[in-house]
Amino acid sequence: MSSAHRLDGYRAYHRAADAFETVAWKAPQSTRFESRAANDGYPAAPAFREVMDAIPGWVVVVGGGIFAAFMGAMLGGMLQV
């Protein structure tokens, strides 16, 4: 190891590193700590009941009809085989 590399090792780890010696990595120190929560300031998600109350009644009827037609087509295809 050249003397320049040994000097770099001394500056980084406060001791000289030999050519065959492993030097443990240490994390850089934080200069500032952020004490806020990561999701602080976002509005709360609406409750399930609020979402269900916002859906009009006709959407439930149409969705149920589409689901029934799909299940009938699947059952008919299964019985055909």
PDB file of N, CA and C in Angstrom:
ATOM      1  N   MET A   1       0.861  -1.171   0.000  1.00  0.00           N
ATOM      2  CA  MET A   1       0.000   0.000   0.000  1.00  0.00           C
ATOM      3  C   MET A   1       0.903   1.229   0.000  1.00  0.00           C
ATOM      4  N   SER A   2       0.572   2.145  -0.837  1.00  0.00           N
ATOM      5  CA  SER A   2       1.404   3.340  -0.922  1.00  0.00           C
ATOM      6  C   SER A   2       1.150   4.238   0.286  1.00  0.00           C
ATOM      7  N   SER A   3       2.049   5.140   0.493  1.00  0.00           N
ATOM      8  CA  SER A   3       1.911   6.025   1.649  1.00  0.00           C
ATOM      9  C   SER A   3       0.718   6.958   1.498  1.00  0.00           C
ATOM     10  N   ALA A   4       0.352   7.314   0.250  1.00  0.00           N
ATOM     11  CA  ALA A   4      -0.813   8.176   0.043  1.00  0.00           C
ATOM     12  C   ALA A   4      -2.097   7.450   0.438  1.00  0.00           C
ATOM     13  N   HIS A   5      -2.199   6.157   0.081  1.00  0.00           N
ATOM     14  CA  HIS A   5      -3.383   5.380   0.459  1.00  0.00           C
ATOM     15  C   HIS A   5      -3.441   5.177   1.966  1.00  0.00           C
ATOM     16  N   ARG A   6      -2.272   4.973   2.563  1.00  0.00           N
ATOM     17  CA  ARG A   6      -2.235   4.800   4.010  1.00  0.00           C
ATOM     18  C   ARG A   6      -2.682   6.089   4.699  1.00  0.00           C
ATOM     19  N   LEU A   7      -2.331   7.235   4.148  1.00  0.00           N
ATOM     20  CA  LEU A   7      -2.750   8.512   4.707  1.00  0.00           C
ATOM     21  C   LEU A   7      -4.257   8.698   4.560  1.00  0.00           C
ATOM     22  N   ASP A   8      -4.826   8.265   3.392  1.00  0.00           N
ATOM     23  CA  ASP A   8      -6.280   8.335   3.221  1.00  0.00           C
ATOM     24  C   ASP A   8      -6.996   7.465   4.248  1.00  0.00           C
ATOM     25  N   GLY A   9      -6.455   6.279   4.485  1.00  0.00           N
ATOM     26  CA  GLY A   9      -7.044   5.403   5.502  1.00  0.00           C
ATOM     27  C   GLY A   9      -6.965   6.005   6.883  1.00  0.00           C
ATOM     28  N   TYR A  10      -5.864   6.678   7.166  1.00  0.00           N
ATOM     29  CA  TYR A  10      -5.735   7.305   8.479  1.00  0.00           C
ATOM     30  C   TYR A  10      -6.738   8.445   8.631  1.00  0.00           C
ATOM     31  N   ARG A  11      -6.942   9.201   7.568  1.00  0.00           N
ATOM     32  CA  ARG A  11      -7.904  10.313   7.638  1.00  0.00           C
ATOM     33  C   ARG A  11      -9.333   9.800   7.808  1.00  0.00           C
ATOM     34  N   ALA A  12      -9.660   8.686   7.145  1.00  0.00           N
ATOM     35  CA  ALA A  12     -11.028   8.175   7.211  1.00  0.00           C
ATOM     36  C   ALA A  12     -11.322   7.442   8.513  1.00  0.00           C
ATOM     37  N   TYR A  13     -10.372   6.637   8.980  1.00  0.00           N
ATOM     38  CA  TYR A  13     -10.644   5.767  10.121  1.00  0.00           C
ATOM     39  C   TYR A  13      -9.796   6.087  11.345  1.00  0.00           C
ATOM     40  N   HIS A  14      -9.010   7.154  11.304  1.00  0.00           N
ATOM     41  CA  HIS A  14      -8.168   7.605  12.414  1.00  0.00           C
ATOM     42  C   HIS A  14      -7.139   6.561  12.816  1.00  0.00           C
ATOM     43  N   ARG A  15      -6.754   5.706  11.858  1.00  0.00           N
ATOM     44  CA  ARG A  15      -5.655   4.779  12.068  1.00  0.00           C
ATOM     45  C   ARG A  15      -5.175   4.308  10.703  1.00  0.00           C
ATOM     46  N   ALA A  16      -3.956   3.954  10.609  1.00  0.00           N
ATOM     47  CA  ALA A  16      -3.393   3.491   9.349  1.00  0.00           C
ATOM     48  C   ALA A  16      -3.844   2.064   9.076  1.00  0.00           C
ATOM     49  N   ALA A  17      -4.162   1.776   7.836  1.00  0.00           N
ATOM     50  CA  ALA A  17      -4.588   0.439   7.448  1.00  0.00           C
ATOM     51  C   ALA A  17      -3.459  -0.235   6.692  1.00  0.00           C
ATOM     52  N   ASP A  18      -3.180  -1.467   7.047  1.00  0.00           N
ATOM     53  CA  ASP A  18      -2.172  -2.233   6.326  1.00  0.00           C
ATOM     54  C   ASP A  18      -2.784  -2.804   5.052  1.00  0.00           C
ATOM     55  N   ALA A  19      -1.938  -3.351   4.197  1.00  0.00           N
ATOM     56  CA  ALA A  19      -2.396  -3.836   2.900  1.00  0.00           C
ATOM     57  C   ALA A  19      -3.357  -5.020   3.029  1.00  0.00           C
ATOM     58  N   PHE A  20      -3.184  -5.882   4.018  1.00  0.00           N
ATOM     59  CA  PHE A  20      -4.013  -7.076   4.150  1.00  0.00           C
ATOM     60  C   PHE A  20      -5.019  -6.974   5.287  1.00  0.00           C
ATOM     61  N   GLU A  21      -5.163  -5.818   5.851  1.00  0.00           N
ATOM     62  CA  GLU A  21      -6.078  -5.647   6.973  1.00  0.00           C
ATOM     63  C   GLU A  21      -7.392  -5.059   6.469  1.00  0.00           C
ATOM     64  N   THR A  22      -8.499  -5.616   6.919  1.00  0.00           N
ATOM     65  CA  THR A  22      -9.800  -5.069   6.550  1.00  0.00           C
ATOM     66  C   THR A  22     -10.153  -3.947   7.512  1.00  0.00           C
ATOM     67  N   VAL A  23     -10.701  -2.914   6.976  1.00  0.00           N
ATOM     68  CA  VAL A  23     -11.101  -1.771   7.782  1.00  0.00           C
ATOM     69  C   VAL A  23     -12.617  -1.737   7.799  1.00  0.00           C
ATOM     70  N   ALA A  24     -13.197  -1.722   8.960  1.00  0.00           N
ATOM     71  CA  ALA A  24     -14.653  -1.735   9.090  1.00  0.00           C
ATOM     72  C   ALA A  24     -15.226  -0.425   8.580  1.00  0.00           C
ATOM     73  N   TRP A  25     -16.326  -0.556   7.845  1.00  0.00           N
ATOM     74  CA  TRP A  25     -17.019   0.629   7.335  1.00  0.00           C
ATOM     75  C   TRP A  25     -17.854   1.202   8.452  1.00  0.00           C
ATOM     76  N   LYS A  26     -17.857   2.503   8.565  1.00  0.00           N
ATOM     77  CA  LYS A  26     -18.728   3.124   9.549  1.00  0.00           C
ATOM     78  C   LYS A  26     -19.600   4.154   8.836  1.00  0.00           C
ATOM     79  N   ALA A  27     -20.830   4.205   9.263  1.00  0.00           N
ATOM     80  CA  ALA A  27     -21.795   5.095   8.632  1.00  0.00           C
ATOM     81  C   ALA A  27     -21.456   6.545   8.939  1.00  0.00           C
ATOM     82  N   PRO A  28     -21.739   7.431   7.998  1.00  0.00           N
ATOM     83  CA  PRO A  28     -21.509   8.845   8.278  1.00  0.00           C
ATOM     84  C   PRO A  28     -22.472   9.335   9.356  1.00  0.00           C
ATOM     85  N   GLN A  29     -22.003  10.224  10.151  1.00  0.00           N
ATOM     86  CA  GLN A  29     -22.837  10.719  11.232  1.00  0.00           C
ATOM     87  C   GLN A  29     -23.843  11.724  10.706  1.00  0.00           C
ATOM     88  N   SER A  30     -25.028  11.662  11.255  1.00  0.00           N
ATOM     89  CA  SER A  30     -26.081  12.576  10.860  1.00  0.00           C
ATOM     90  C   SER A  30     -25.845  13.935  11.500  1.00  0.00           C
ATOM     91  N   THR A  31     -25.985  14.984  10.710  1.00  0.00           N
ATOM     92  CA  THR A  31     -25.793  16.318  11.259  1.00  0.00           C
ATOM     93  C   THR A  31     -27.075  16.886  11.840  1.00  0.00           C
ATOM     94  N   ARG A  32     -28.209  16.294  11.442  1.00  0.00           N
ATOM     95  CA  ARG A  32     -29.495  16.827  11.912  1.00  0.00           C
ATOM     96  C   ARG A  32     -30.480  15.669  12.005  1.00  0.00           C
ATOM     97  N   PHE A  33     -31.318  15.670  13.010  1.00  0.00           N
ATOM     98  CA  PHE A  33     -32.321  14.622  13.175  1.00  0.00           C
ATOM     99  C   PHE A  33     -33.699  15.204  12.902  1.00  0.00           C
ATOM    100  N   GLU A  34     -34.433  14.578  12.000  1.00  0.00           N
ATOM    101  CA  GLU A  34     -35.794  15.017  11.672  1.00  0.00           C
ATOM    102  C   GLU A  34     -36.750  14.286  12.606  1.00  0.00           C
ATOM    103  N   SER A  35     -37.386  15.012  13.506  1.00  0.00           N
ATOM    104  CA  SER A  35     -38.228  14.377  14.519  1.00  0.00           C
ATOM    105  C   SER A  35     -39.669  14.198  14.076  1.00  0.00           C
ATOM    106  N   ARG A  36     -40.055  14.795  12.920  1.00  0.00           N
ATOM    107  CA  ARG A  36     -41.431  14.621  12.449  1.00  0.00           C
ATOM    108  C   ARG A  36     -41.635  13.217  11.895  1.00  0.00           C
ATOM    109  N   ALA A  37     -42.854  12.737  11.983  1.00  0.00           N
ATOM    110  CA  ALA A  37     -43.174  11.459  11.353  1.00  0.00           C
ATOM    111  C   ALA A  37     -43.160  11.640   9.844  1.00  0.00           C
ATOM    112  N   ALA A  38     -42.881  10.565   9.132  1.00  0.00           N
ATOM    113  CA  ALA A  38     -42.748  10.658   7.675  1.00  0.00           C
ATOM    114  C   ALA A  38     -44.074  11.024   7.012  1.00  0.00           C
ATOM    115  N   ASN A  39     -45.182  10.594   7.566  1.00  0.00           N
ATOM    116  CA  ASN A  39     -46.478  10.871   6.956  1.00  0.00           C
ATOM    117  C   ASN A  39     -47.220  12.006   7.656  1.00  0.00           C
ATOM    118  N   ASP A  40     -46.494  12.839   8.338  1.00  0.00           N
ATOM    119  CA  ASP A  40     -47.116  13.941   9.056  1.00  0.00           C
ATOM    120  C   ASP A  40     -47.623  14.995   8.071  1.00  0.00           C
ATOM    121  N   GLY A  41     -48.829  15.452   8.252  1.00  0.00           N
ATOM    122  CA  GLY A  41     -49.362  16.523   7.421  1.00  0.00           C
ATOM    123  C   GLY A  41     -50.299  16.065   6.326  1.00  0.00           C
ATOM    124  N   TYR A  42     -50.437  14.765   6.124  1.00  0.00           N
ATOM    125  CA  TYR A  42     -51.356  14.268   5.105  1.00  0.00           C
ATOM    126  C   TYR A  42     -52.738  14.060   5.715  1.00  0.00           C
ATOM    127  N   PRO A  43     -53.794  14.308   4.935  1.00  0.00           N
ATOM    128  CA  PRO A  43     -55.139  14.084   5.488  1.00  0.00           C
ATOM    129  C   PRO A  43     -55.404  12.591   5.685  1.00  0.00           C
ATOM    130  N   ALA A  44     -56.260  12.285   6.622  1.00  0.00           N
ATOM    131  CA  ALA A  44     -56.592  10.894   6.909  1.00  0.00           C
ATOM    132  C   ALA A  44     -57.420  10.309   5.772  1.00  0.00           C
ATOM    133  N   ALA A  45     -57.242   9.031   5.513  1.00  0.00           N
ATOM    134  CA  ALA A  45     -58.002   8.349   4.469  1.00  0.00           C
ATOM    135  C   ALA A  45     -59.451   8.219   4.923  1.00  0.00           C
ATOM    136  N   PRO A  46     -60.406   8.325   3.993  1.00  0.00           N
ATOM    137  CA  PRO A  46     -61.813   8.199   4.391  1.00  0.00           C
ATOM    138  C   PRO A  46     -62.127   6.779   4.853  1.00  0.00           C
ATOM    139  N   ALA A  47     -63.076   6.676   5.759  1.00  0.00           N
ATOM    140  CA  ALA A  47     -63.485   5.372   6.273  1.00  0.00           C
ATOM    141  C   ALA A  47     -64.282   4.626   5.210  1.00  0.00           C
ATOM    142  N   PHE A  48     -64.353   3.314   5.352  1.00  0.00           N
ATOM    143  CA  PHE A  48     -65.071   2.481   4.383  1.00  0.00           C
ATOM    144  C   PHE A  48     -66.542   2.874   4.303  1.00  0.00           C
ATOM    145  N   ARG A  49     -67.126   3.198   5.437  1.00  0.00           N
ATOM    146  CA  ARG A  49     -68.551   3.566   5.468  1.00  0.00           C
ATOM    147  C   ARG A  49     -68.779   4.865   4.687  1.00  0.00           C
ATOM    148  N   GLU A  50     -67.868   5.812   4.783  1.00  0.00           N
ATOM    149  CA  GLU A  50     -68.001   7.068   4.036  1.00  0.00           C
ATOM    150  C   GLU A  50     -67.917   6.830   2.536  1.00  0.00           C
ATOM    151  N   VAL A  51     -67.050   5.935   2.121  1.00  0.00           N
ATOM    152  CA  VAL A  51     -66.931   5.617   0.693  1.00  0.00           C
ATOM    153  C   VAL A  51     -68.198   4.934   0.205  1.00  0.00           C
ATOM    154  N   MET A  52     -68.719   4.010   0.989  1.00  0.00           N
ATOM    155  CA  MET A  52     -69.931   3.292   0.578  1.00  0.00           C
ATOM    156  C   MET A  52     -71.143   4.218   0.542  1.00  0.00           C
ATOM    157  N   ASP A  53     -71.207   5.173   1.443  1.00  0.00           N
ATOM    158  CA  ASP A  53     -72.321   6.115   1.443  1.00  0.00           C
ATOM    159  C   ASP A  53     -72.262   7.061   0.248  1.00  0.00           C
ATOM    160  N   ALA A  54     -71.072   7.287  -0.298  1.00  0.00           N
ATOM    161  CA  ALA A  54     -70.925   8.201  -1.428  1.00  0.00           C
ATOM    162  C   ALA A  54     -71.311   7.552  -2.756  1.00  0.00           C
ATOM    163  N   ILE A  55     -71.413   6.217  -2.797  1.00  0.00           N
ATOM    164  CA  ILE A  55     -71.770   5.525  -4.047  1.00  0.00           C
ATOM    165  C   ILE A  55     -73.279   5.595  -4.242  1.00  0.00           C
ATOM    166  N   PRO A  56     -73.742   6.040  -5.420  1.00  0.00           N
ATOM    167  CA  PRO A  56     -75.182   6.074  -5.667  1.00  0.00           C
ATOM    168  C   PRO A  56     -75.781   4.665  -5.711  1.00  0.00           C
ATOM    169  N   GLY A  57     -77.066   4.576  -5.450  1.00  0.00           N
ATOM    170  CA  GLY A  57     -77.745   3.280  -5.414  1.00  0.00           C
ATOM    171  C   GLY A  57     -77.786   2.582  -6.764  1.00  0.00           C
ATOM    172  N   TRP A  58     -77.900   3.351  -7.857  1.00  0.00           N
ATOM    173  CA  TRP A  58     -78.002   2.704  -9.166  1.00  0.00           C
ATOM    174  C   TRP A  58     -76.701   2.007  -9.567  1.00  0.00           C
ATOM    175  N   VAL A  59     -75.570   2.454  -9.019  1.00  0.00           N
ATOM    176  CA  VAL A  59     -74.294   1.804  -9.324  1.00  0.00           C
ATOM    177  C   VAL A  59     -74.273   0.395  -8.744  1.00  0.00           C
ATOM    178  N   VAL A  60     -74.853   0.221  -7.571  1.00  0.00           N
ATOM    179  CA  VAL A  60     -74.907  -1.097  -6.950  1.00  0.00           C
ATOM    180  C   VAL A  60     -75.772  -2.032  -7.788  1.00  0.00           C
ATOM    181  N   VAL A  61     -76.909  -1.537  -8.287  1.00  0.00           N
ATOM    182  CA  VAL A  61     -77.808  -2.366  -9.083  1.00  0.00           C
ATOM    183  C   VAL A  61     -77.155  -2.756 -10.409  1.00  0.00           C
ATOM    184  N   VAL A  62     -76.552  -1.799 -11.094  1.00  0.00           N
ATOM    185  CA  VAL A  62     -75.907  -2.083 -12.379  1.00  0.00           C
ATOM    186  C   VAL A  62     -74.711  -3.009 -12.169  1.00  0.00           C
ATOM    187  N   GLY A  63     -73.921  -2.763 -11.144  1.00  0.00           N
ATOM    188  CA  GLY A  63     -72.777  -3.636 -10.861  1.00  0.00           C
ATOM    189  C   GLY A  63     -73.201  -5.055 -10.532  1.00  0.00           C
ATOM    190  N   GLY A  64     -74.286  -5.193  -9.790  1.00  0.00           N
ATOM    191  CA  GLY A  64     -74.811  -6.528  -9.481  1.00  0.00           C
ATOM    192  C   GLY A  64     -75.301  -7.240 -10.729  1.00  0.00           C
ATOM    193  N   GLY A  65     -75.944  -6.504 -11.635  1.00  0.00           N
ATOM    194  CA  GLY A  65     -76.408  -7.109 -12.887  1.00  0.00           C
ATOM    195  C   GLY A  65     -75.241  -7.555 -13.761  1.00  0.00           C
ATOM    196  N   ILE A  66     -74.227  -6.761 -13.851  1.00  0.00           N
ATOM    197  CA  ILE A  66     -73.047  -7.140 -14.642  1.00  0.00           C
ATOM    198  C   ILE A  66     -72.370  -8.360 -14.030  1.00  0.00           C
ATOM    199  N   PHE A  67     -72.261  -8.388 -12.721  1.00  0.00           N
ATOM    200  CA  PHE A  67     -71.666  -9.535 -12.053  1.00  0.00           C
ATOM    201  C   PHE A  67     -72.482 -10.807 -12.285  1.00  0.00           C
ATOM    202  N   ALA A  68     -73.815 -10.697 -12.199  1.00  0.00           N
ATOM    203  CA  ALA A  68     -74.676 -11.863 -12.421  1.00  0.00           C
ATOM    204  C   ALA A  68     -74.564 -12.359 -13.864  1.00  0.00           C
ATOM    205  N   ALA A  69     -74.494 -11.436 -14.825  1.00  0.00           N
ATOM    206  CA  ALA A  69     -74.342 -11.846 -16.222  1.00  0.00           C
ATOM    207  C   ALA A  69     -72.998 -12.532 -16.447  1.00  0.00           C
ATOM    208  N   PHE A  70     -71.955 -12.032 -15.857  1.00  0.00           N
ATOM    209  CA  PHE A  70     -70.633 -12.642 -15.985  1.00  0.00           C
ATOM    210  C   PHE A  70     -70.613 -14.034 -15.376  1.00  0.00           C
ATOM    211  N   MET A  71     -71.193 -14.166 -14.175  1.00  0.00           N
ATOM    212  CA  MET A  71     -71.222 -15.487 -13.536  1.00  0.00           C
ATOM    213  C   MET A  71     -72.086 -16.466 -14.327  1.00  0.00           C
ATOM    214  N   GLY A  72     -73.188 -15.990 -14.937  1.00  0.00           N
ATOM    215  CA  GLY A  72     -74.019 -16.858 -15.774  1.00  0.00           C
ATOM    216  C   GLY A  72     -73.270 -17.326 -17.016  1.00  0.00           C
ATOM    217  N   ALA A  73     -72.498 -16.442 -17.618  1.00  0.00           N
ATOM    218  CA  ALA A  73     -71.722 -16.825 -18.797  1.00  0.00           C
ATOM    219  C   ALA A  73     -70.626 -17.835 -18.402  1.00  0.00           C
ATOM    220  N   MET A  74     -70.009 -17.641 -17.272  1.00  0.00           N
ATOM    221  CA  MET A  74     -68.986 -18.597 -16.818  1.00  0.00           C
ATOM    222  C   MET A  74     -69.606 -19.951 -16.514  1.00  0.00           C
ATOM    223  N   LEU A  75     -70.740 -19.964 -15.846  1.00  0.00           N
ATOM    224  CA  LEU A  75     -71.408 -21.227 -15.526  1.00  0.00           C
ATOM    225  C   LEU A  75     -71.898 -21.922 -16.785  1.00  0.00           C
ATOM    226  N   GLY A  76     -72.442 -21.152 -17.740  1.00  0.00           N
ATOM    227  CA  GLY A  76     -72.890 -21.732 -19.002  1.00  0.00           C
ATOM    228  C   GLY A  76     -71.730 -22.321 -19.785  1.00  0.00           C
ATOM    229  N   GLY A  77     -70.599 -21.634 -19.796  1.00  0.00           N
ATOM    230  CA  GLY A  77     -69.415 -22.167 -20.474  1.00  0.00           C
ATOM    231  C   GLY A  77     -68.887 -23.415 -19.800  1.00  0.00           C
ATOM    232  N   MET A  78     -68.982 -23.461 -18.471  1.00  0.00           N
ATOM    233  CA  MET A  78     -68.510 -24.635 -17.752  1.00  0.00           C
ATOM    234  C   MET A  78     -69.408 -25.831 -18.012  1.00  0.00           C
ATOM    235  N   LEU A  79     -70.744 -25.606 -18.059  1.00  0.00           N
ATOM    236  CA  LEU A  79     -71.676 -26.701 -18.300  1.00  0.00           C
ATOM    237  C   LEU A  79     -71.613 -27.179 -19.743  1.00  0.00           C
ATOM    238  N   GLN A  80     -71.177 -26.351 -20.646  1.00  0.00           N
ATOM    239  CA  GLN A  80     -71.101 -26.736 -22.062  1.00  0.00           C
ATOM    240  C   GLN A  80     -69.976 -27.751 -22.256  1.00  0.00           C
ATOM    241  N   VAL A  81     -68.919 -27.607 -21.493  1.00  0.00           N
ATOM    242  CA  VAL A  81     -67.775 -28.520 -21.629  1.00  0.00           C
ATOM    243  C   VAL A  81     -68.165 -29.826 -21.078  1.00  0.00           C
TER     244      VAL A  81
END
